[in-house]
Amino acid sequence: MTLSAAMIDPKMSDTPAGPDNDSSILTKTKPKTQRPPLYKVMLLNDDFTPMEFVVHVLERFFGLNHAQSFEIMLTVHKKGLAVVGVFSFEIAETKVAQVMDFSRRHQHPLQCTMEKE
């Protein structure tokens, strides 16, 4: 029985060694990450909340300037509702809770809701 060079020393094999030829290396694939779903935060019109209060809420909780807040307030007043912003679930949920709590503390029936975009 004769031993080949590859049996004695695997480095002397006829197949070239290298990262492309090593069958023991598993290729790693990067997992594809998805963006989290976004949620629209909306204000609903009612007949009792003063327009100035709605403008104040928009400025305070959504960081809008007075002109932007006034425009959105008019949209809520004329169309019955308006999208105030689009956020991740946690941020949208927090904004809705803040607006609802602030409105209740000031005894206004202003409604703020969120829905998946």
PDB file of N, CA and C in Angstrom:
ATOM      1  N   MET A   1       0.850  -1.178   0.000  1.00  0.00           N
ATOM      2  CA  MET A   1       0.000   0.000   0.000  1.00  0.00           C
ATOM      3  C   MET A   1       0.894   1.239   0.000  1.00  0.00           C
ATOM      4  N   THR A   2       0.592   2.139  -0.892  1.00  0.00           N
ATOM      5  CA  THR A   2       1.359   3.372  -0.961  1.00  0.00           C
ATOM      6  C   THR A   2       0.495   4.516  -0.513  1.00  0.00           C
ATOM      7  N   LEU A   3       1.082   5.410   0.194  1.00  0.00           N
ATOM      8  CA  LEU A   3       0.350   6.583   0.679  1.00  0.00           C
ATOM      9  C   LEU A   3       0.610   7.748  -0.261  1.00  0.00           C
ATOM     10  N   SER A   4      -0.445   8.420  -0.619  1.00  0.00           N
ATOM     11  CA  SER A   4      -0.259   9.596  -1.461  1.00  0.00           C
ATOM     12  C   SER A   4       0.171  10.770  -0.590  1.00  0.00           C
ATOM     13  N   ALA A   5       0.708  11.765  -1.224  1.00  0.00           N
ATOM     14  CA  ALA A   5       1.161  12.945  -0.493  1.00  0.00           C
ATOM     15  C   ALA A   5       0.004  13.629   0.212  1.00  0.00           C
ATOM     16  N   ALA A   6      -1.200  13.580  -0.385  1.00  0.00           N
ATOM     17  CA  ALA A   6      -2.368  14.229   0.214  1.00  0.00           C
ATOM     18  C   ALA A   6      -2.800  13.524   1.486  1.00  0.00           C
ATOM     19  N   MET A   7      -2.581  12.209   1.569  1.00  0.00           N
ATOM     20  CA  MET A   7      -2.961  11.472   2.772  1.00  0.00           C
ATOM     21  C   MET A   7      -2.004  11.765   3.918  1.00  0.00           C
ATOM     22  N   ILE A   8      -0.771  11.999   3.609  1.00  0.00           N
ATOM     23  CA  ILE A   8       0.222  12.279   4.645  1.00  0.00           C
ATOM     24  C   ILE A   8       0.104  13.730   5.086  1.00  0.00           C
ATOM     25  N   ASP A   9       0.094  14.606   4.141  1.00  0.00           N
ATOM     26  CA  ASP A   9       0.030  16.035   4.448  1.00  0.00           C
ATOM     27  C   ASP A   9      -1.070  16.659   3.601  1.00  0.00           C
ATOM     28  N   PRO A  10      -2.236  17.019   4.211  1.00  0.00           N
ATOM     29  CA  PRO A  10      -3.340  17.571   3.427  1.00  0.00           C
ATOM     30  C   PRO A  10      -2.980  18.844   2.672  1.00  0.00           C
ATOM     31  N   LYS A  11      -1.928  19.514   3.096  1.00  0.00           N
ATOM     32  CA  LYS A  11      -1.531  20.742   2.409  1.00  0.00           C
ATOM     33  C   LYS A  11      -0.950  20.444   1.030  1.00  0.00           C
ATOM     34  N   MET A  12      -0.557  19.211   0.798  1.00  0.00           N
ATOM     35  CA  MET A  12       0.057  18.848  -0.472  1.00  0.00           C
ATOM     36  C   MET A  12      -0.968  18.315  -1.466  1.00  0.00           C
ATOM     37  N   SER A  13      -2.221  18.497  -1.204  1.00  0.00           N
ATOM     38  CA  SER A  13      -3.281  18.003  -2.088  1.00  0.00           C
ATOM     39  C   SER A  13      -3.275  18.779  -3.396  1.00  0.00           C
ATOM     40  N   ASP A  14      -3.907  18.192  -4.424  1.00  0.00           N
ATOM     41  CA  ASP A  14      -3.971  18.845  -5.735  1.00  0.00           C
ATOM     42  C   ASP A  14      -4.968  19.992  -5.782  1.00  0.00           C
ATOM     43  N   THR A  15      -5.940  20.016  -4.868  1.00  0.00           N
ATOM     44  CA  THR A  15      -6.939  21.092  -4.869  1.00  0.00           C
ATOM     45  C   THR A  15      -6.397  22.288  -4.129  1.00  0.00           C
ATOM     46  N   PRO A  16      -6.562  23.453  -4.712  1.00  0.00           N
ATOM     47  CA  PRO A  16      -6.011  24.644  -4.059  1.00  0.00           C
ATOM     48  C   PRO A  16      -6.784  24.970  -2.779  1.00  0.00           C
ATOM     49  N   ALA A  17      -6.061  25.370  -1.784  1.00  0.00           N
ATOM     50  CA  ALA A  17      -6.680  25.755  -0.519  1.00  0.00           C
ATOM     51  C   ALA A  17      -6.996  27.244  -0.572  1.00  0.00           C
ATOM     52  N   GLY A  18      -8.000  27.621   0.147  1.00  0.00           N
ATOM     53  CA  GLY A  18      -8.354  29.038   0.189  1.00  0.00           C
ATOM     54  C   GLY A  18      -9.772  29.203   0.663  1.00  0.00           C
ATOM     55  N   PRO A  19     -10.184  30.427   0.914  1.00  0.00           N
ATOM     56  CA  PRO A  19     -11.532  30.661   1.447  1.00  0.00           C
ATOM     57  C   PRO A  19     -12.634  30.251   0.482  1.00  0.00           C
ATOM     58  N   ASP A  20     -12.354  30.262  -0.814  1.00  0.00           N
ATOM     59  CA  ASP A  20     -13.388  29.897  -1.777  1.00  0.00           C
ATOM     60  C   ASP A  20     -13.570  28.393  -1.901  1.00  0.00           C
ATOM     61  N   ASN A  21     -12.598  27.641  -1.476  1.00  0.00           N
ATOM     62  CA  ASN A  21     -12.629  26.212  -1.686  1.00  0.00           C
ATOM     63  C   ASN A  21     -12.889  25.433  -0.400  1.00  0.00           C
ATOM     64  N   ASP A  22     -13.026  26.086   0.724  1.00  0.00           N
ATOM     65  CA  ASP A  22     -13.211  25.398   2.000  1.00  0.00           C
ATOM     66  C   ASP A  22     -14.691  25.117   2.202  1.00  0.00           C
ATOM     67  N   SER A  23     -15.064  23.855   2.152  1.00  0.00           N
ATOM     68  CA  SER A  23     -16.478  23.493   2.256  1.00  0.00           C
ATOM     69  C   SER A  23     -16.988  23.543   3.685  1.00  0.00           C
ATOM     70  N   SER A  24     -16.095  23.728   4.663  1.00  0.00           N
ATOM     71  CA  SER A  24     -16.543  23.775   6.052  1.00  0.00           C
ATOM     72  C   SER A  24     -17.005  25.171   6.470  1.00  0.00           C
ATOM     73  N   ILE A  25     -16.771  26.158   5.642  1.00  0.00           N
ATOM     74  CA  ILE A  25     -17.188  27.528   5.978  1.00  0.00           C
ATOM     75  C   ILE A  25     -18.625  27.733   5.506  1.00  0.00           C
ATOM     76  N   LEU A  26     -19.463  28.155   6.431  1.00  0.00           N
ATOM     77  CA  LEU A  26     -20.845  28.459   6.082  1.00  0.00           C
ATOM     78  C   LEU A  26     -20.945  29.931   5.740  1.00  0.00           C
ATOM     79  N   THR A  27     -21.713  30.231   4.747  1.00  0.00           N
ATOM     80  CA  THR A  27     -21.887  31.636   4.392  1.00  0.00           C
ATOM     81  C   THR A  27     -22.975  32.221   5.269  1.00  0.00           C
ATOM     82  N   LYS A  28     -22.723  33.406   5.730  1.00  0.00           N
ATOM     83  CA  LYS A  28     -23.696  34.096   6.573  1.00  0.00           C
ATOM     84  C   LYS A  28     -24.440  35.115   5.716  1.00  0.00           C
ATOM     85  N   THR A  29     -25.741  35.083   5.811  1.00  0.00           N
ATOM     86  CA  THR A  29     -26.527  36.078   5.083  1.00  0.00           C
ATOM     87  C   THR A  29     -27.027  37.099   6.088  1.00  0.00           C
ATOM     88  N   LYS A  30     -27.018  38.324   5.670  1.00  0.00           N
ATOM     89  CA  LYS A  30     -27.532  39.380   6.545  1.00  0.00           C
ATOM     90  C   LYS A  30     -29.046  39.294   6.569  1.00  0.00           C
ATOM     91  N   PRO A  31     -29.625  39.319   7.759  1.00  0.00           N
ATOM     92  CA  PRO A  31     -31.093  39.313   7.795  1.00  0.00           C
ATOM     93  C   PRO A  31     -31.626  40.647   7.269  1.00  0.00           C
ATOM     94  N   LYS A  32     -32.682  40.563   6.513  1.00  0.00           N
ATOM     95  CA  LYS A  32     -33.285  41.792   5.987  1.00  0.00           C
ATOM     96  C   LYS A  32     -34.163  42.389   7.071  1.00  0.00           C
ATOM     97  N   THR A  33     -33.896  43.623   7.392  1.00  0.00           N
ATOM     98  CA  THR A  33     -34.699  44.293   8.412  1.00  0.00           C
ATOM     99  C   THR A  33     -35.806  45.067   7.733  1.00  0.00           C
ATOM    100  N   GLN A  34     -36.949  45.032   8.361  1.00  0.00           N
ATOM    101  CA  GLN A  34     -38.089  45.779   7.827  1.00  0.00           C
ATOM    102  C   GLN A  34     -38.295  47.021   8.674  1.00  0.00           C
ATOM    103  N   ARG A  35     -38.749  48.052   8.031  1.00  0.00           N
ATOM    104  CA  ARG A  35     -39.086  49.263   8.778  1.00  0.00           C
ATOM    105  C   ARG A  35     -40.345  48.979   9.591  1.00  0.00           C
ATOM    106  N   PRO A  36     -40.409  49.546  10.793  1.00  0.00           N
ATOM    107  CA  PRO A  36     -41.622  49.325  11.587  1.00  0.00           C
ATOM    108  C   PRO A  36     -42.811  50.009  10.929  1.00  0.00           C
ATOM    109  N   PRO A  37     -44.013  49.485  11.125  1.00  0.00           N
ATOM    110  CA  PRO A  37     -45.181  50.139  10.534  1.00  0.00           C
ATOM    111  C   PRO A  37     -45.379  51.521  11.149  1.00  0.00           C
ATOM    112  N   LEU A  38     -45.922  52.414  10.372  1.00  0.00           N
ATOM    113  CA  LEU A  38     -46.161  53.780  10.845  1.00  0.00           C
ATOM    114  C   LEU A  38     -47.645  53.978  11.122  1.00  0.00           C
ATOM    115  N   TYR A  39     -47.930  54.925  12.008  1.00  0.00           N
ATOM    116  CA  TYR A  39     -49.305  55.195  12.428  1.00  0.00           C
ATOM    117  C   TYR A  39     -49.612  56.673  12.287  1.00  0.00           C
ATOM    118  N   LYS A  40     -50.807  56.940  11.729  1.00  0.00           N
ATOM    119  CA  LYS A  40     -51.272  58.320  11.579  1.00  0.00           C
ATOM    120  C   LYS A  40     -51.940  58.743  12.884  1.00  0.00           C
ATOM    121  N   VAL A  41     -51.591  59.918  13.370  1.00  0.00           N
ATOM    122  CA  VAL A  41     -52.260  60.498  14.527  1.00  0.00           C
ATOM    123  C   VAL A  41     -53.212  61.557  13.995  1.00  0.00           C
ATOM    124  N   MET A  42     -54.493  61.445  14.416  1.00  0.00           N
ATOM    125  CA  MET A  42     -55.525  62.334  13.883  1.00  0.00           C
ATOM    126  C   MET A  42     -56.278  63.037  15.006  1.00  0.00           C
ATOM    127  N   LEU A  43     -56.655  64.265  14.741  1.00  0.00           N
ATOM    128  CA  LEU A  43     -57.549  65.004  15.629  1.00  0.00           C
ATOM    129  C   LEU A  43     -58.941  65.001  15.017  1.00  0.00           C
ATOM    130  N   LEU A  44     -59.944  64.844  15.878  1.00  0.00           N
ATOM    131  CA  LEU A  44     -61.332  64.815  15.426  1.00  0.00           C
ATOM    132  C   LEU A  44     -62.053  66.075  15.874  1.00  0.00           C
ATOM    133  N   ASN A  45     -62.942  66.546  15.038  1.00  0.00           N
ATOM    134  CA  ASN A  45     -63.708  67.758  15.347  1.00  0.00           C
ATOM    135  C   ASN A  45     -64.797  67.476  16.369  1.00  0.00           C
ATOM    136  N   ASP A  46     -65.080  68.474  17.181  1.00  0.00           N
ATOM    137  CA  ASP A  46     -66.251  68.436  18.054  1.00  0.00           C
ATOM    138  C   ASP A  46     -66.796  69.859  18.133  1.00  0.00           C
ATOM    139  N   ASP A  47     -67.978  69.993  18.705  1.00  0.00           N
ATOM    140  CA  ASP A  47     -68.631  71.309  18.737  1.00  0.00           C
ATOM    141  C   ASP A  47     -68.303  72.123  19.980  1.00  0.00           C
ATOM    142  N   PHE A  48     -67.431  71.620  20.838  1.00  0.00           N
ATOM    143  CA  PHE A  48     -67.227  72.281  22.128  1.00  0.00           C
ATOM    144  C   PHE A  48     -65.802  72.760  22.383  1.00  0.00           C
ATOM    145  N   THR A  49     -64.807  72.104  21.829  1.00  0.00           N
ATOM    146  CA  THR A  49     -63.413  72.497  22.081  1.00  0.00           C
ATOM    147  C   THR A  49     -63.100  73.789  21.336  1.00  0.00           C
ATOM    148  N   PRO A  50     -62.605  74.801  22.044  1.00  0.00           N
ATOM    149  CA  PRO A  50     -62.265  76.073  21.374  1.00  0.00           C
ATOM    150  C   PRO A  50     -61.124  75.892  20.362  1.00  0.00           C
ATOM    151  N   MET A  51     -61.222  76.641  19.286  1.00  0.00           N
ATOM    152  CA  MET A  51     -60.200  76.562  18.244  1.00  0.00           C
ATOM    153  C   MET A  51     -58.822  76.928  18.779  1.00  0.00           C
ATOM    154  N   GLU A  52     -58.766  77.887  19.679  1.00  0.00           N
ATOM    155  CA  GLU A  52     -57.480  78.313  20.252  1.00  0.00           C
ATOM    156  C   GLU A  52     -56.829  77.177  21.035  1.00  0.00           C
ATOM    157  N   PHE A  53     -57.658  76.362  21.701  1.00  0.00           N
ATOM    158  CA  PHE A  53     -57.137  75.226  22.457  1.00  0.00           C
ATOM    159  C   PHE A  53     -56.519  74.195  21.511  1.00  0.00           C
ATOM    160  N   VAL A  54     -57.167  73.937  20.385  1.00  0.00           N
ATOM    161  CA  VAL A  54     -56.654  72.987  19.401  1.00  0.00           C
ATOM    162  C   VAL A  54     -55.315  73.484  18.853  1.00  0.00           C
ATOM    163  N   VAL A  55     -55.222  74.758  18.550  1.00  0.00           N
ATOM    164  CA  VAL A  55     -53.965  75.341  18.064  1.00  0.00           C
ATOM    165  C   VAL A  55     -52.868  75.156  19.119  1.00  0.00           C
ATOM    166  N   HIS A  56     -53.213  75.406  20.385  1.00  0.00           N
ATOM    167  CA  HIS A  56     -52.247  75.251  21.478  1.00  0.00           C
ATOM    168  C   HIS A  56     -51.764  73.796  21.577  1.00  0.00           C
ATOM    169  N   VAL A  57     -52.674  72.838  21.458  1.00  0.00           N
ATOM    170  CA  VAL A  57     -52.324  71.412  21.517  1.00  0.00           C
ATOM    171  C   VAL A  57     -51.364  71.056  20.375  1.00  0.00           C
ATOM    172  N   LEU A  58     -51.654  71.544  19.188  1.00  0.00           N
ATOM    173  CA  LEU A  58     -50.806  71.248  18.032  1.00  0.00           C
ATOM    174  C   LEU A  58     -49.399  71.830  18.204  1.00  0.00           C
ATOM    175  N   GLU A  59     -49.319  73.020  18.736  1.00  0.00           N
ATOM    176  CA  GLU A  59     -48.017  73.643  18.967  1.00  0.00           C
ATOM    177  C   GLU A  59     -47.247  72.897  20.064  1.00  0.00           C
ATOM    178  N   ARG A  60     -47.940  72.568  21.139  1.00  0.00           N
ATOM    179  CA  ARG A  60     -47.286  71.970  22.313  1.00  0.00           C
ATOM    180  C   ARG A  60     -46.844  70.520  22.090  1.00  0.00           C
ATOM    181  N   PHE A  61     -47.708  69.694  21.538  1.00  0.00           N
ATOM    182  CA  PHE A  61     -47.416  68.267  21.455  1.00  0.00           C
ATOM    183  C   PHE A  61     -46.864  67.804  20.113  1.00  0.00           C
ATOM    184  N   PHE A  62     -47.014  68.636  19.084  1.00  0.00           N
ATOM    185  CA  PHE A  62     -46.551  68.211  17.767  1.00  0.00           C
ATOM    186  C   PHE A  62     -45.467  69.127  17.202  1.00  0.00           C
ATOM    187  N   GLY A  63     -45.077  70.137  17.971  1.00  0.00           N
ATOM    188  CA  GLY A  63     -43.972  70.998  17.574  1.00  0.00           C
ATOM    189  C   GLY A  63     -44.222  71.830  16.332  1.00  0.00           C
ATOM    190  N   LEU A  64     -45.486  72.114  16.053  1.00  0.00           N
ATOM    191  CA  LEU A  64     -45.814  72.909  14.875  1.00  0.00           C
ATOM    192  C   LEU A  64     -45.787  74.391  15.225  1.00  0.00           C
ATOM    193  N   ASN A  65     -45.502  75.210  14.222  1.00  0.00           N
ATOM    194  CA  ASN A  65     -45.553  76.652  14.480  1.00  0.00           C
ATOM    195  C   ASN A  65     -47.019  77.105  14.452  1.00  0.00           C
ATOM    196  N   HIS A  66     -47.243  78.363  14.769  1.00  0.00           N
ATOM    197  CA  HIS A  66     -48.619  78.865  14.889  1.00  0.00           C
ATOM    198  C   HIS A  66     -49.384  78.758  13.564  1.00  0.00           C
ATOM    199  N   ALA A  67     -48.729  79.108  12.452  1.00  0.00           N
ATOM    200  CA  ALA A  67     -49.403  79.069  11.140  1.00  0.00           C
ATOM    201  C   ALA A  67     -49.786  77.637  10.767  1.00  0.00           C
ATOM    202  N   GLN A  68     -48.871  76.698  10.972  1.00  0.00           N
ATOM    203  CA  GLN A  68     -49.166  75.287  10.668  1.00  0.00           C
ATOM    204  C   GLN A  68     -50.307  74.775  11.548  1.00  0.00           C
ATOM    205  N   SER A  69     -50.241  75.118  12.826  1.00  0.00           N
ATOM    206  CA  SER A  69     -51.277  74.686  13.768  1.00  0.00           C
ATOM    207  C   SER A  69     -52.634  75.246  13.388  1.00  0.00           C
ATOM    208  N   PHE A  70     -52.657  76.500  12.985  1.00  0.00           N
ATOM    209  CA  PHE A  70     -53.918  77.137  12.596  1.00  0.00           C
ATOM    210  C   PHE A  70     -54.512  76.455  11.359  1.00  0.00           C
ATOM    211  N   GLU A  71     -53.664  76.133  10.380  1.00  0.00           N
ATOM    212  CA  GLU A  71     -54.128  75.452   9.163  1.00  0.00           C
ATOM    213  C   GLU A  71     -54.730  74.086   9.489  1.00  0.00           C
ATOM    214  N   ILE A  72     -54.056  73.323  10.328  1.00  0.00           N
ATOM    215  CA  ILE A  72     -54.556  71.993  10.687  1.00  0.00           C
ATOM    216  C   ILE A  72     -55.846  72.108  11.482  1.00  0.00           C
ATOM    217  N   MET A  73     -55.904  73.080  12.380  1.00  0.00           N
ATOM    218  CA  MET A  73     -57.133  73.299  13.159  1.00  0.00           C
ATOM    219  C   MET A  73     -58.303  73.601  12.226  1.00  0.00           C
ATOM    220  N   LEU A  74     -58.078  74.420  11.197  1.00  0.00           N
ATOM    221  CA  LEU A  74     -59.144  74.730  10.240  1.00  0.00           C
ATOM    222  C   LEU A  74     -59.560  73.490   9.453  1.00  0.00           C
ATOM    223  N   THR A  75     -58.599  72.640   9.113  1.00  0.00           N
ATOM    224  CA  THR A  75     -58.916  71.386   8.413  1.00  0.00           C
ATOM    225  C   THR A  75     -59.780  70.501   9.292  1.00  0.00           C
ATOM    226  N   VAL A  76     -59.419  70.391  10.568  1.00  0.00           N
ATOM    227  CA  VAL A  76     -60.224  69.598  11.513  1.00  0.00           C
ATOM    228  C   VAL A  76     -61.633  70.174  11.585  1.00  0.00           C
ATOM    229  N   HIS A  77     -61.727  71.489  11.676  1.00  0.00           N
ATOM    230  CA  HIS A  77     -63.018  72.167  11.812  1.00  0.00           C
ATOM    231  C   HIS A  77     -63.895  71.962  10.566  1.00  0.00           C
ATOM    232  N   LYS A  78     -63.294  72.076   9.377  1.00  0.00           N
ATOM    233  CA  LYS A  78     -64.068  71.996   8.140  1.00  0.00           C
ATOM    234  C   LYS A  78     -64.347  70.567   7.680  1.00  0.00           C
ATOM    235  N   LYS A  79     -63.357  69.674   7.841  1.00  0.00           N
ATOM    236  CA  LYS A  79     -63.497  68.319   7.309  1.00  0.00           C
ATOM    237  C   LYS A  79     -63.851  67.267   8.355  1.00  0.00           C
ATOM    238  N   GLY A  80     -63.793  67.643   9.613  1.00  0.00           N
ATOM    239  CA  GLY A  80     -64.150  66.691  10.663  1.00  0.00           C
ATOM    240  C   GLY A  80     -62.971  65.972  11.285  1.00  0.00           C
ATOM    241  N   LEU A  81     -61.864  65.902  10.560  1.00  0.00           N
ATOM    242  CA  LEU A  81     -60.642  65.325  11.120  1.00  0.00           C
ATOM    243  C   LEU A  81     -59.465  65.716  10.261  1.00  0.00           C
ATOM    244  N   ALA A  82     -58.274  65.579  10.839  1.00  0.00           N
ATOM    245  CA  ALA A  82     -57.049  65.870  10.094  1.00  0.00           C
ATOM    246  C   ALA A  82     -55.924  65.024  10.654  1.00  0.00           C
ATOM    247  N   VAL A  83     -55.043  64.590   9.765  1.00  0.00           N
ATOM    248  CA  VAL A  83     -53.844  63.879  10.198  1.00  0.00           C
ATOM    249  C   VAL A  83     -52.850  64.931  10.680  1.00  0.00           C
ATOM    250  N   VAL A  84     -52.382  64.723  11.905  1.00  0.00           N
ATOM    251  CA  VAL A  84     -51.467  65.680  12.526  1.00  0.00           C
ATOM    252  C   VAL A  84     -50.012  65.264  12.305  1.00  0.00           C
ATOM    253  N   GLY A  85     -49.782  63.966  12.212  1.00  0.00           N
ATOM    254  CA  GLY A  85     -48.424  63.467  12.004  1.00  0.00           C
ATOM    255  C   GLY A  85     -48.438  61.961  11.812  1.00  0.00           C
ATOM    256  N   VAL A  86     -47.306  61.438  11.382  1.00  0.00           N
ATOM    257  CA  VAL A  86     -47.151  59.998  11.179  1.00  0.00           C
ATOM    258  C   VAL A  86     -45.917  59.566  11.971  1.00  0.00           C
ATOM    259  N   PHE A  87     -46.106  58.560  12.835  1.00  0.00           N
ATOM    260  CA  PHE A  87     -45.060  58.169  13.778  1.00  0.00           C
ATOM    261  C   PHE A  87     -45.000  56.651  13.926  1.00  0.00           C
ATOM    262  N   SER A  88     -43.949  56.185  14.595  1.00  0.00           N
ATOM    263  CA  SER A  88     -43.894  54.769  14.976  1.00  0.00           C
ATOM    264  C   SER A  88     -44.989  54.529  16.013  1.00  0.00           C
ATOM    265  N   PHE A  89     -45.295  53.270  16.270  1.00  0.00           N
ATOM    266  CA  PHE A  89     -46.407  52.931  17.161  1.00  0.00           C
ATOM    267  C   PHE A  89     -46.247  53.579  18.535  1.00  0.00           C
ATOM    268  N   GLU A  90     -45.084  53.438  19.142  1.00  0.00           N
ATOM    269  CA  GLU A  90     -44.878  53.949  20.503  1.00  0.00           C
ATOM    270  C   GLU A  90     -45.026  55.464  20.580  1.00  0.00           C
ATOM    271  N   ILE A  91     -44.486  56.158  19.603  1.00  0.00           N
ATOM    272  CA  ILE A  91     -44.580  57.620  19.610  1.00  0.00           C
ATOM    273  C   ILE A  91     -46.015  58.053  19.360  1.00  0.00           C
ATOM    274  N   ALA A  92     -46.685  57.420  18.412  1.00  0.00           N
ATOM    275  CA  ALA A  92     -48.086  57.759  18.120  1.00  0.00           C
ATOM    276  C   ALA A  92     -48.954  57.524  19.355  1.00  0.00           C
ATOM    277  N   GLU A  93     -48.752  56.387  20.004  1.00  0.00           N
ATOM    278  CA  GLU A  93     -49.525  56.053  21.196  1.00  0.00           C
ATOM    279  C   GLU A  93     -49.302  57.082  22.308  1.00  0.00           C
ATOM    280  N   THR A  94     -48.061  57.507  22.463  1.00  0.00           N
ATOM    281  CA  THR A  94     -47.730  58.507  23.486  1.00  0.00           C
ATOM    282  C   THR A  94     -48.378  59.845  23.158  1.00  0.00           C
ATOM    283  N   LYS A  95     -48.318  60.262  21.901  1.00  0.00           N
ATOM    284  CA  LYS A  95     -48.915  61.549  21.500  1.00  0.00           C
ATOM    285  C   LYS A  95     -50.425  61.535  21.745  1.00  0.00           C
ATOM    286  N   VAL A  96     -51.095  60.438  21.375  1.00  0.00           N
ATOM    287  CA  VAL A  96     -52.541  60.328  21.596  1.00  0.00           C
ATOM    288  C   VAL A  96     -52.848  60.438  23.084  1.00  0.00           C
ATOM    289  N   ALA A  97     -52.101  59.719  23.905  1.00  0.00           N
ATOM    290  CA  ALA A  97     -52.331  59.750  25.355  1.00  0.00           C
ATOM    291  C   ALA A  97     -52.093  61.151  25.927  1.00  0.00           C
ATOM    292  N   GLN A  98     -51.043  61.824  25.472  1.00  0.00           N
ATOM    293  CA  GLN A  98     -50.747  63.178  25.954  1.00  0.00           C
ATOM    294  C   GLN A  98     -51.873  64.152  25.611  1.00  0.00           C
ATOM    295  N   VAL A  99     -52.328  64.098  24.356  1.00  0.00           N
ATOM    296  CA  VAL A  99     -53.392  65.010  23.916  1.00  0.00           C
ATOM    297  C   VAL A  99     -54.686  64.729  24.681  1.00  0.00           C
ATOM    298  N   MET A 100     -55.032  63.462  24.801  1.00  0.00           N
ATOM    299  CA  MET A 100     -56.278  63.107  25.500  1.00  0.00           C
ATOM    300  C   MET A 100     -56.219  63.524  26.967  1.00  0.00           C
ATOM    301  N   ASP A 101     -55.096  63.268  27.613  1.00  0.00           N
ATOM    302  CA  ASP A 101     -54.944  63.632  29.025  1.00  0.00           C
ATOM    303  C   ASP A 101     -55.004  65.150  29.207  1.00  0.00           C
ATOM    304  N   PHE A 102     -54.281  65.873  28.362  1.00  0.00           N
ATOM    305  CA  PHE A 102     -54.260  67.337  28.444  1.00  0.00           C
ATOM    306  C   PHE A 102     -55.663  67.914  28.210  1.00  0.00           C
ATOM    307  N   SER A 103     -56.377  67.349  27.242  1.00  0.00           N
ATOM    308  CA  SER A 103     -57.741  67.819  26.943  1.00  0.00           C
ATOM    309  C   SER A 103     -58.682  67.570  28.121  1.00  0.00           C
ATOM    310  N   ARG A 104     -58.579  66.394  28.723  1.00  0.00           N
ATOM    311  CA  ARG A 104     -59.452  66.073  29.866  1.00  0.00           C
ATOM    312  C   ARG A 104     -59.149  66.981  31.059  1.00  0.00           C
ATOM    313  N   ARG A 105     -57.844  67.216  31.297  1.00  0.00           N
ATOM    314  CA  ARG A 105     -57.468  68.091  32.423  1.00  0.00           C
ATOM    315  C   ARG A 105     -57.994  69.502  32.231  1.00  0.00           C
ATOM    316  N   HIS A 106     -58.166  69.919  30.982  1.00  0.00           N
ATOM    317  CA  HIS A 106     -58.713  71.252  30.703  1.00  0.00           C
ATOM    318  C   HIS A 106     -60.206  71.197  30.370  1.00  0.00           C
ATOM    319  N   GLN A 107     -60.810  70.065  30.628  1.00  0.00           N
ATOM    320  CA  GLN A 107     -62.249  69.842  30.475  1.00  0.00           C
ATOM    321  C   GLN A 107     -62.762  70.119  29.065  1.00  0.00           C
ATOM    322  N   HIS A 108     -62.013  69.604  28.090  1.00  0.00           N
ATOM    323  CA  HIS A 108     -62.435  69.694  26.694  1.00  0.00           C
ATOM    324  C   HIS A 108     -62.615  68.284  26.135  1.00  0.00           C
ATOM    325  N   PRO A 109     -63.595  68.080  25.271  1.00  0.00           N
ATOM    326  CA  PRO A 109     -63.857  66.743  24.720  1.00  0.00           C
ATOM    327  C   PRO A 109     -63.040  66.411  23.456  1.00  0.00           C
ATOM    328  N   LEU A 110     -61.943  67.120  23.226  1.00  0.00           N
ATOM    329  CA  LEU A 110     -61.134  66.895  22.028  1.00  0.00           C
ATOM    330  C   LEU A 110     -60.718  65.432  21.944  1.00  0.00           C
ATOM    331  N   GLN A 111     -60.905  64.833  20.775  1.00  0.00           N
ATOM    332  CA  GLN A 111     -60.563  63.437  20.543  1.00  0.00           C
ATOM    333  C   GLN A 111     -59.331  63.354  19.648  1.00  0.00           C
ATOM    334  N   CYS A 112     -58.420  62.459  20.018  1.00  0.00           N
ATOM    335  CA  CYS A 112     -57.209  62.202  19.240  1.00  0.00           C
ATOM    336  C   CYS A 112     -57.106  60.683  19.085  1.00  0.00           C
ATOM    337  N   THR A 113     -56.934  60.223  17.842  1.00  0.00           N
ATOM    338  CA  THR A 113     -56.856  58.789  17.588  1.00  0.00           C
ATOM    339  C   THR A 113     -55.654  58.485  16.714  1.00  0.00           C
ATOM    340  N   MET A 114     -55.391  57.185  16.561  1.00  0.00           N
ATOM    341  CA  MET A 114     -54.311  56.763  15.679  1.00  0.00           C
ATOM    342  C   MET A 114     -54.772  55.545  14.888  1.00  0.00           C
ATOM    343  N   GLU A 115     -54.234  55.416  13.679  1.00  0.00           N
ATOM    344  CA  GLU A 115     -54.528  54.233  12.880  1.00  0.00           C
ATOM    345  C   GLU A 115     -53.323  53.907  12.023  1.00  0.00           C
ATOM    346  N   LYS A 116     -53.191  52.635  11.686  1.00  0.00           N
ATOM    347  CA  LYS A 116     -52.045  52.196  10.889  1.00  0.00           C
ATOM    348  C   LYS A 116     -52.098  52.826   9.505  1.00  0.00           C
ATOM    349  N   GLU A 117     -50.960  53.273   9.043  1.00  0.00           N
ATOM    350  CA  GLU A 117     -50.894  53.943   7.741  1.00  0.00           C
ATOM    351  C   GLU A 117     -51.033  52.944   6.609  1.00  0.00           C
TER     352      GLU A 117
END
